[in-house]
């Protein structure tokens, strides 16, 4: 079942990655499978109108469409929307560095919003890159830009890496 995230952007469905996939594939393989449409996009992709567009080891790109649905009281796109697409890029780039059987979660992230996001500005792009991947800690950085390449925000994240057995879903 194809789902439209926003006009012109569709995904093969909505859901989560099966834990058995994460247990058997490297993070890069799982992320590539997500990009290739072998796995569903996460539910938040449809809610917040953004999706994964590029994956390679140590680098990911998301694109999204900030719209009037996400306005704060002053009429700009809420910083939480920007933080969410950035957290996705920051975390997913860490996932590209994981071995089969490893999982991760964010333990800290920081976002610097340097320009307002406005409805009608068109698609924005968030590129995430690995800074460091250690045994149990990884750090990443990202940049959120408009369609002309103008910087809107930048951020960093720290993730903890742990065995998939420690991750349970209720």
C-alpha atoms as a PDB file:
ATOM      1  CA  UNK A   1       0.000   0.000   0.000  1.00  0.00           C
ATOM      2  CA  UNK A   2       1.636   3.254  -1.138  1.00  0.00           C
ATOM      3  CA  UNK A   3       1.272   6.276   1.160  1.00  0.00           C
ATOM      4  CA  UNK A   4       1.734   9.881   0.053  1.00  0.00           C
ATOM      5  CA  UNK A   5       3.921  11.767   2.533  1.00  0.00           C
ATOM      6  CA  UNK A   6       3.357  15.056   0.694  1.00  0.00           C
ATOM      7  CA  UNK A   7       2.588  15.894  -2.943  1.00  0.00           C
ATOM      8  CA  UNK A   8       4.990  14.001  -5.182  1.00  0.00           C
ATOM      9  CA  UNK A   9       6.597  11.981  -2.369  1.00  0.00           C
ATOM     10  CA  UNK A  10       5.348   8.475  -1.613  1.00  0.00           C
ATOM     11  CA  UNK A  11       6.536   5.583   0.540  1.00  0.00           C
ATOM     12  CA  UNK A  12       5.609   1.892   0.290  1.00  0.00           C
ATOM     13  CA  UNK A  13       3.796   1.878   3.634  1.00  0.00           C
ATOM     14  CA  UNK A  14       3.924   2.977   7.255  1.00  0.00           C
ATOM     15  CA  UNK A  15       5.320   0.933  10.138  1.00  0.00           C
ATOM     16  CA  UNK A  16       8.547   0.109  11.960  1.00  0.00           C
ATOM     17  CA  UNK A  17      11.612  -1.988  11.158  1.00  0.00           C
ATOM     18  CA  UNK A  18      11.187  -5.557  12.376  1.00  0.00           C
ATOM     19  CA  UNK A  19      13.641  -6.244  15.216  1.00  0.00           C
ATOM     20  CA  UNK A  20      14.724  -9.453  13.482  1.00  0.00           C
ATOM     21  CA  UNK A  21      15.990  -7.331  10.577  1.00  0.00           C
ATOM     22  CA  UNK A  22      18.129  -5.262  12.946  1.00  0.00           C
ATOM     23  CA  UNK A  23      19.396  -8.456  14.568  1.00  0.00           C
ATOM     24  CA  UNK A  24      20.488  -9.944  11.230  1.00  0.00           C
ATOM     25  CA  UNK A  25      21.510  -6.951   9.092  1.00  0.00           C
ATOM     26  CA  UNK A  26      23.989  -4.158   9.609  1.00  0.00           C
ATOM     27  CA  UNK A  27      22.472  -0.765  10.235  1.00  0.00           C
ATOM     28  CA  UNK A  28      23.596   0.335   6.778  1.00  0.00           C
ATOM     29  CA  UNK A  29      21.830  -2.652   5.168  1.00  0.00           C
ATOM     30  CA  UNK A  30      18.630  -1.934   7.121  1.00  0.00           C
ATOM     31  CA  UNK A  31      18.726   1.777   6.234  1.00  0.00           C
ATOM     32  CA  UNK A  32      19.367   0.937   2.566  1.00  0.00           C
ATOM     33  CA  UNK A  33      16.395  -1.460   2.693  1.00  0.00           C
ATOM     34  CA  UNK A  34      14.257   1.336   4.115  1.00  0.00           C
ATOM     35  CA  UNK A  35      15.348   3.667   1.313  1.00  0.00           C
ATOM     36  CA  UNK A  36      14.752   0.972  -1.319  1.00  0.00           C
ATOM     37  CA  UNK A  37      11.184   0.449  -0.099  1.00  0.00           C
ATOM     38  CA  UNK A  38      11.759  -3.002   1.397  1.00  0.00           C
ATOM     39  CA  UNK A  39      10.537  -1.743   4.779  1.00  0.00           C
ATOM     40  CA  UNK A  40       7.815   0.740   5.692  1.00  0.00           C
ATOM     41  CA  UNK A  41       8.504   4.361   6.570  1.00  0.00           C
ATOM     42  CA  UNK A  42       8.033   5.223  10.251  1.00  0.00           C
ATOM     43  CA  UNK A  43       4.606   6.638  11.214  1.00  0.00           C
ATOM     44  CA  UNK A  44       6.121  10.050  11.983  1.00  0.00           C
ATOM     45  CA  UNK A  45       7.139  10.428   8.311  1.00  0.00           C
ATOM     46  CA  UNK A  46       3.498  10.760   7.300  1.00  0.00           C
ATOM     47  CA  UNK A  47       2.598  12.940  10.279  1.00  0.00           C
ATOM     48  CA  UNK A  48       5.480  15.391   9.819  1.00  0.00           C
ATOM     49  CA  UNK A  49       5.942  15.203   6.034  1.00  0.00           C
ATOM     50  CA  UNK A  50       9.567  14.150   5.748  1.00  0.00           C
ATOM     51  CA  UNK A  51      11.396  11.118   4.397  1.00  0.00           C
ATOM     52  CA  UNK A  52      14.791   9.523   3.865  1.00  0.00           C
ATOM     53  CA  UNK A  53      16.295  10.241   0.426  1.00  0.00           C
ATOM     54  CA  UNK A  54      19.964   9.152   0.574  1.00  0.00           C
ATOM     55  CA  UNK A  55      21.941   6.581   2.571  1.00  0.00           C
ATOM     56  CA  UNK A  56      25.603   5.613   2.623  1.00  0.00           C
ATOM     57  CA  UNK A  57      27.941   4.601   5.408  1.00  0.00           C
ATOM     58  CA  UNK A  58      28.380   7.648   7.638  1.00  0.00           C
ATOM     59  CA  UNK A  59      25.951   9.880   5.704  1.00  0.00           C
ATOM     60  CA  UNK A  60      22.169  10.241   5.289  1.00  0.00           C
ATOM     61  CA  UNK A  61      19.871  12.865   3.792  1.00  0.00           C
ATOM     62  CA  UNK A  62      16.223  13.540   4.621  1.00  0.00           C
ATOM     63  CA  UNK A  63      13.889  15.905   2.814  1.00  0.00           C
ATOM     64  CA  UNK A  64      10.731  17.423   4.191  1.00  0.00           C
ATOM     65  CA  UNK A  65       8.024  19.960   3.622  1.00  0.00           C
ATOM     66  CA  UNK A  66       7.422  22.465   6.430  1.00  0.00           C
ATOM     67  CA  UNK A  67       3.822  23.671   6.069  1.00  0.00           C
ATOM     68  CA  UNK A  68       1.284  25.838   7.869  1.00  0.00           C
ATOM     69  CA  UNK A  69       0.193  22.754   9.855  1.00  0.00           C
ATOM     70  CA  UNK A  70       3.332  23.187  11.986  1.00  0.00           C
ATOM     71  CA  UNK A  71       3.112  26.925  12.735  1.00  0.00           C
ATOM     72  CA  UNK A  72       3.787  28.333  16.167  1.00  0.00           C
ATOM     73  CA  UNK A  73       1.833  31.356  17.481  1.00  0.00           C
ATOM     74  CA  UNK A  74       4.160  33.815  15.680  1.00  0.00           C
ATOM     75  CA  UNK A  75       3.537  32.212  12.284  1.00  0.00           C
ATOM     76  CA  UNK A  76       6.840  30.411  11.745  1.00  0.00           C
ATOM     77  CA  UNK A  77       7.277  26.645  11.589  1.00  0.00           C
ATOM     78  CA  UNK A  78       7.717  25.367  15.137  1.00  0.00           C
ATOM     79  CA  UNK A  79      11.295  24.563  16.120  1.00  0.00           C
ATOM     80  CA  UNK A  80      10.124  21.100  17.136  1.00  0.00           C
ATOM     81  CA  UNK A  81       9.501  20.253  13.473  1.00  0.00           C
ATOM     82  CA  UNK A  82      13.073  21.233  12.590  1.00  0.00           C
ATOM     83  CA  UNK A  83      14.421  19.384  15.628  1.00  0.00           C
ATOM     84  CA  UNK A  84      12.555  16.224  14.645  1.00  0.00           C
ATOM     85  CA  UNK A  85      13.862  16.009  11.077  1.00  0.00           C
ATOM     86  CA  UNK A  86      17.318  16.792  12.438  1.00  0.00           C
ATOM     87  CA  UNK A  87      17.082  14.127  15.178  1.00  0.00           C
ATOM     88  CA  UNK A  88      16.068  11.654  12.469  1.00  0.00           C
ATOM     89  CA  UNK A  89      19.137  12.453  10.351  1.00  0.00           C
ATOM     90  CA  UNK A  90      21.424  12.499  13.395  1.00  0.00           C
ATOM     91  CA  UNK A  91      20.209   9.132  14.664  1.00  0.00           C
ATOM     92  CA  UNK A  92      19.856   7.384  11.316  1.00  0.00           C
ATOM     93  CA  UNK A  93      23.411   8.268  10.338  1.00  0.00           C
ATOM     94  CA  UNK A  94      24.565   6.545  13.527  1.00  0.00           C
ATOM     95  CA  UNK A  95      22.518   3.536  12.461  1.00  0.00           C
ATOM     96  CA  UNK A  96      24.576   3.319   9.242  1.00  0.00           C
ATOM     97  CA  UNK A  97      27.610   2.562  11.429  1.00  0.00           C
ATOM     98  CA  UNK A  98      26.003  -0.290  13.424  1.00  0.00           C
ATOM     99  CA  UNK A  99      26.859  -3.976  13.086  1.00  0.00           C
ATOM    100  CA  UNK A 100      24.189  -6.652  12.892  1.00  0.00           C
ATOM    101  CA  UNK A 101      22.690  -7.135  16.348  1.00  0.00           C
ATOM    102  CA  UNK A 102      23.423  -3.593  17.531  1.00  0.00           C
ATOM    103  CA  UNK A 103      20.829  -0.938  18.330  1.00  0.00           C
ATOM    104  CA  UNK A 104      21.091   2.687  19.444  1.00  0.00           C
ATOM    105  CA  UNK A 105      19.173   5.456  21.106  1.00  0.00           C
ATOM    106  CA  UNK A 106      19.721   9.176  21.441  1.00  0.00           C
ATOM    107  CA  UNK A 107      21.068  10.296  24.810  1.00  0.00           C
ATOM    108  CA  UNK A 108      21.570  13.973  23.958  1.00  0.00           C
ATOM    109  CA  UNK A 109      21.107  16.347  21.044  1.00  0.00           C
ATOM    110  CA  UNK A 110      21.519  20.038  20.408  1.00  0.00           C
ATOM    111  CA  UNK A 111      19.936  22.129  17.682  1.00  0.00           C
ATOM    112  CA  UNK A 112      20.841  25.654  16.604  1.00  0.00           C
ATOM    113  CA  UNK A 113      18.042  27.316  14.622  1.00  0.00           C
ATOM    114  CA  UNK A 114      19.695  30.099  12.609  1.00  0.00           C
ATOM    115  CA  UNK A 115      16.826  31.149  10.290  1.00  0.00           C
ATOM    116  CA  UNK A 116      13.068  30.751  10.531  1.00  0.00           C
ATOM    117  CA  UNK A 117      11.302  28.045   8.579  1.00  0.00           C
ATOM    118  CA  UNK A 118       8.239  29.411   6.835  1.00  0.00           C
ATOM    119  CA  UNK A 119       5.293  27.737   5.162  1.00  0.00           C
ATOM    120  CA  UNK A 120       5.601  28.056   1.416  1.00  0.00           C
ATOM    121  CA  UNK A 121       9.408  27.922   1.408  1.00  0.00           C
ATOM    122  CA  UNK A 122       9.316  24.511  -0.294  1.00  0.00           C
ATOM    123  CA  UNK A 123      11.290  21.404   0.505  1.00  0.00           C
ATOM    124  CA  UNK A 124      14.130  21.492   3.001  1.00  0.00           C
ATOM    125  CA  UNK A 125      17.012  19.031   3.191  1.00  0.00           C
ATOM    126  CA  UNK A 126      18.808  17.659   6.233  1.00  0.00           C
ATOM    127  CA  UNK A 127      22.193  15.980   5.810  1.00  0.00           C
ATOM    128  CA  UNK A 128      23.645  13.992   8.694  1.00  0.00           C
ATOM    129  CA  UNK A 129      27.219  12.742   9.043  1.00  0.00           C
ATOM    130  CA  UNK A 130      29.051  10.590  11.572  1.00  0.00           C
ATOM    131  CA  UNK A 131      31.658  12.382  13.650  1.00  0.00           C
ATOM    132  CA  UNK A 132      32.776   9.407  15.758  1.00  0.00           C
ATOM    133  CA  UNK A 133      31.729   5.793  16.274  1.00  0.00           C
ATOM    134  CA  UNK A 134      33.177   4.159  19.368  1.00  0.00           C
ATOM    135  CA  UNK A 135      32.364   0.864  21.075  1.00  0.00           C
ATOM    136  CA  UNK A 136      29.327   2.211  22.983  1.00  0.00           C
ATOM    137  CA  UNK A 137      29.026   5.900  22.024  1.00  0.00           C
ATOM    138  CA  UNK A 138      28.604   7.580  18.635  1.00  0.00           C
ATOM    139  CA  UNK A 139      28.366  11.258  17.754  1.00  0.00           C
ATOM    140  CA  UNK A 140      26.925  12.868  14.652  1.00  0.00           C
ATOM    141  CA  UNK A 141      26.278  16.286  13.148  1.00  0.00           C
ATOM    142  CA  UNK A 142      23.744  17.653  10.659  1.00  0.00           C
ATOM    143  CA  UNK A 143      22.732  20.679   8.637  1.00  0.00           C
ATOM    144  CA  UNK A 144      19.211  21.697   7.641  1.00  0.00           C
ATOM    145  CA  UNK A 145      19.105  23.748   4.428  1.00  0.00           C
ATOM    146  CA  UNK A 146      16.485  25.204   2.115  1.00  0.00           C
ATOM    147  CA  UNK A 147      16.224  24.274  -1.570  1.00  0.00           C
ATOM    148  CA  UNK A 148      18.848  26.890  -2.487  1.00  0.00           C
ATOM    149  CA  UNK A 149      21.337  25.559   0.057  1.00  0.00           C
ATOM    150  CA  UNK A 150      20.862  28.329   2.645  1.00  0.00           C
ATOM    151  CA  UNK A 151      21.563  27.122   6.178  1.00  0.00           C
ATOM    152  CA  UNK A 152      18.456  27.037   8.389  1.00  0.00           C
ATOM    153  CA  UNK A 153      19.776  25.047  11.355  1.00  0.00           C
ATOM    154  CA  UNK A 154      22.619  22.797  12.461  1.00  0.00           C
ATOM    155  CA  UNK A 155      22.996  20.322  15.278  1.00  0.00           C
ATOM    156  CA  UNK A 156      24.850  17.515  16.994  1.00  0.00           C
ATOM    157  CA  UNK A 157      23.837  14.301  18.725  1.00  0.00           C
ATOM    158  CA  UNK A 158      25.262  11.641  21.025  1.00  0.00           C
ATOM    159  CA  UNK A 159      23.887   8.109  20.860  1.00  0.00           C
ATOM    160  CA  UNK A 160      24.514   5.055  23.005  1.00  0.00           C
ATOM    161  CA  UNK A 161      25.051   1.730  21.204  1.00  0.00           C
ATOM    162  CA  UNK A 162      23.878  -1.508  22.819  1.00  0.00           C
ATOM    163  CA  UNK A 163      22.938  -5.115  21.935  1.00  0.00           C
ATOM    164  CA  UNK A 164      19.573  -5.533  20.219  1.00  0.00           C
ATOM    165  CA  UNK A 165      18.548  -7.889  23.045  1.00  0.00           C
ATOM    166  CA  UNK A 166      18.255  -4.791  25.301  1.00  0.00           C
ATOM    167  CA  UNK A 167      15.562  -3.320  23.048  1.00  0.00           C
ATOM    168  CA  UNK A 168      12.028  -4.496  23.606  1.00  0.00           C
ATOM    169  CA  UNK A 169       8.743  -3.340  22.189  1.00  0.00           C
ATOM    170  CA  UNK A 170       5.616  -3.487  24.299  1.00  0.00           C
END
